[in-house]
C-alpha cells in the first residue's frame, strides 16, 4: 500500500518518520511521497496532491494543544460535523497520553491526523493499523505486528 506523509508545521520530523516507518513496514506500507507544509493556505493543495497517488495520507502536525494544530481546518474542509466540545462526529479518535489524533476515512482512502510527537504516535499507530488492516486487507504478519506493538 502506498502512503503519503505530510508534515504541517512539524519540528520532530525525523523521529516521527522513523516511528511511522517501523510501524508501517509489516503492513507493506511504503511512504511514496513526503512533503513539508508551513503555510495554512498551502495545506489543502498539499493534501489533495498526496492523496492523488496514495491510499493513505499520514498528516503529522504540530500540536500545541491536545489535538494537531490543523485539525479544525481539515474538519472544516472535509465538512466533518463537530459536537458541542469541538470534537468531530463519525471520526475515529486516536487517544494518546496527552494528545489526540484522528483517522478520517472515505470509501477507498484514509487520512491519519497525528501530533508531531513520536511517543504519542507510537501509542496511536496500533489502533490505526488495526483499522486500516480491516479496511484494506493486510497480510496476516501485520496482525502479529499490531498485537505486539506497545499500547500503553
Protein backbone atom coordinates (compact mmCIF):
# COMPACT_ATOMS: atom_id res chain seq x y z
CA UNK A 1 0.00 0.00 0.00
CA UNK A 2 1.28 3.44 -0.88
CA UNK A 3 1.12 6.18 1.73
CA UNK A 4 1.93 9.85 1.64
CA UNK A 5 3.48 11.72 4.53
CA UNK A 6 2.77 15.40 5.07
CA UNK A 7 4.41 17.40 7.84
CA UNK A 8 2.49 20.54 8.76
CA UNK A 9 4.46 22.97 10.92
CA UNK A 10 6.17 19.94 12.45
CA UNK A 11 9.53 20.07 14.18
CA UNK A 12 10.27 16.45 15.13
CA UNK A 13 10.06 15.18 11.56
CA UNK A 14 12.89 12.62 11.53
CA UNK A 15 11.90 10.99 14.83
CA UNK A 16 8.24 10.85 13.80
CA UNK A 17 9.08 9.43 10.39
CA UNK A 18 11.23 6.72 11.99
CA UNK A 19 8.37 5.63 14.28
CA UNK A 20 5.98 5.61 11.34
CA UNK A 21 8.35 3.60 9.12
CA UNK A 22 8.87 0.96 11.84
CA UNK A 23 5.12 0.56 12.37
CA UNK A 24 4.22 0.61 8.67
CA UNK A 25 6.82 -1.90 7.46
CA UNK A 26 4.98 -5.10 8.45
CA UNK A 27 1.95 -3.88 6.52
CA UNK A 28 3.86 -3.46 3.30
CA UNK A 29 3.22 0.27 3.51
CA UNK A 30 5.65 2.37 1.52
CA UNK A 31 5.93 6.11 2.05
CA UNK A 32 5.88 7.14 -1.59
CA UNK A 33 5.63 10.87 -1.13
CA UNK A 34 6.87 13.15 1.63
CA UNK A 35 6.02 16.82 1.78
CA UNK A 36 6.52 19.67 4.24
CA UNK A 37 3.93 22.44 4.58
CA UNK A 38 4.30 25.55 6.72
CA UNK A 39 1.67 27.87 5.25
CA UNK A 40 -2.02 27.32 6.05
CA UNK A 41 -3.02 28.37 2.54
CA UNK A 42 -0.97 25.50 1.06
CA UNK A 43 -2.35 22.75 3.28
CA UNK A 44 -5.40 21.70 1.24
CA UNK A 45 -3.43 21.64 -2.02
CA UNK A 46 -0.68 19.52 -0.50
CA UNK A 47 -3.24 17.08 0.91
CA UNK A 48 -5.01 16.79 -2.45
CA UNK A 49 -1.72 16.24 -4.30
CA UNK A 50 -0.58 13.48 -1.93
CA UNK A 51 -3.97 11.75 -1.97
CA UNK A 52 -3.92 11.50 -5.79
CA UNK A 53 -1.35 8.73 -5.74
CA UNK A 54 -1.75 7.24 -2.27
CA UNK A 55 -4.27 5.13 -0.41
CA UNK A 56 -3.35 6.63 2.95
CA UNK A 57 -2.03 10.03 3.95
CA UNK A 58 -0.27 10.45 7.28
CA UNK A 59 -0.56 14.10 8.27
CA UNK A 60 1.74 14.98 11.16
CA UNK A 61 1.11 18.39 12.63
CA UNK A 62 2.42 20.46 15.49
CA UNK A 63 0.10 20.10 18.46
CA UNK A 64 0.48 22.89 20.99
CA UNK A 65 -2.90 21.90 22.45
CA UNK A 66 -4.46 18.43 22.83
CA UNK A 67 -5.03 17.81 19.12
CA UNK A 68 -2.99 18.57 15.98
CA UNK A 69 -2.94 22.24 15.05
CA UNK A 70 -4.50 21.73 11.62
CA UNK A 71 -7.43 19.62 12.89
CA UNK A 72 -10.05 22.37 12.73
CA UNK A 73 -9.04 23.35 9.19
CA UNK A 74 -9.14 19.73 8.00
CA UNK A 75 -12.55 19.10 9.56
CA UNK A 76 -13.88 22.32 8.02
CA UNK A 77 -12.53 21.45 4.55
CA UNK A 78 -13.95 17.92 4.69
CA UNK A 79 -17.24 19.19 6.18
CA UNK A 80 -16.94 16.94 9.22
CA UNK A 81 -19.64 17.90 11.74
CA UNK A 82 -18.42 18.77 15.23
CA UNK A 83 -20.07 18.11 18.57
CA UNK A 84 -20.56 20.75 21.27
CA UNK A 85 -16.98 20.31 22.53
CA UNK A 86 -15.49 20.72 19.03
CA UNK A 87 -14.73 17.04 18.51
CA UNK A 88 -15.53 15.51 15.11
CA UNK A 89 -18.57 13.27 14.75
CA UNK A 90 -18.11 9.95 12.95
CA UNK A 91 -14.31 10.10 13.02
CA UNK A 92 -12.19 7.56 14.88
CA UNK A 93 -10.32 9.30 17.69
CA UNK A 94 -6.82 8.10 18.47
CA UNK A 95 -6.16 8.83 22.13
CA UNK A 96 -2.62 9.14 23.34
CA UNK A 97 -1.39 10.04 26.78
CA UNK A 98 -1.59 13.82 26.31
CA UNK A 99 -2.58 14.24 22.64
CA UNK A 100 -5.34 13.01 20.36
CA UNK A 101 -5.09 12.02 16.70
CA UNK A 102 -7.81 11.11 14.21
CA UNK A 103 -8.44 8.59 11.45
CA UNK A 104 -10.58 10.11 8.69
CA UNK A 105 -11.87 7.56 6.17
CA UNK A 106 -13.57 7.62 2.81
CA UNK A 107 -14.61 4.56 0.80
CA UNK A 108 -11.12 3.90 -0.55
CA UNK A 109 -8.69 6.26 1.21
CA UNK A 110 -7.77 7.44 4.67
CA UNK A 111 -6.13 10.45 6.30
CA UNK A 112 -4.36 9.78 9.57
CA UNK A 113 -4.03 13.02 11.50
CA UNK A 114 -1.30 12.73 14.13
CA UNK A 115 0.52 15.06 16.53
CA UNK A 116 4.18 15.85 15.97
CA UNK A 117 5.24 13.71 18.92
CA UNK A 118 6.94 10.32 18.41
CA UNK A 119 5.87 8.90 21.78
CA UNK A 120 2.22 9.81 21.20
CA UNK A 121 2.33 8.49 17.62
CA UNK A 122 3.69 5.18 18.87
CA UNK A 123 0.64 4.85 21.14
CA UNK A 124 -1.79 5.66 18.31
CA UNK A 125 -0.41 3.56 15.46
CA UNK A 126 -1.55 0.11 16.67
CA UNK A 127 -5.16 1.30 16.53
CA UNK A 128 -4.57 2.97 13.15
CA UNK A 129 -3.07 -0.11 11.54
CA UNK A 130 -5.65 -2.43 13.08
CA UNK A 131 -8.38 -0.34 11.42
CA UNK A 132 -6.51 0.00 8.11
CA UNK A 133 -5.89 -3.75 8.14
CA UNK A 134 -9.63 -4.36 8.24
CA UNK A 135 -10.33 -1.75 5.60
CA UNK A 136 -7.61 -2.69 3.11
CA UNK A 137 -7.00 -6.38 3.98
CA UNK A 138 -3.36 -6.54 5.05
CA UNK A 139 -1.47 -9.82 5.35
CA UNK A 140 -1.52 -11.98 8.50
CA UNK A 141 2.00 -10.94 9.58
CA UNK A 142 0.63 -7.42 10.00
CA UNK A 143 -1.86 -8.67 12.60
CA UNK A 144 1.01 -10.02 14.70
CA UNK A 145 2.81 -6.68 14.48
CA UNK A 146 -0.23 -4.80 15.77
CA UNK A 147 -0.74 -7.30 18.57
CA UNK A 148 2.88 -6.91 19.69
CA UNK A 149 3.04 -3.12 19.32
CA UNK A 150 3.14 -1.11 22.56
CA UNK A 151 -0.21 0.39 23.53
CA UNK A 152 0.48 1.93 26.92
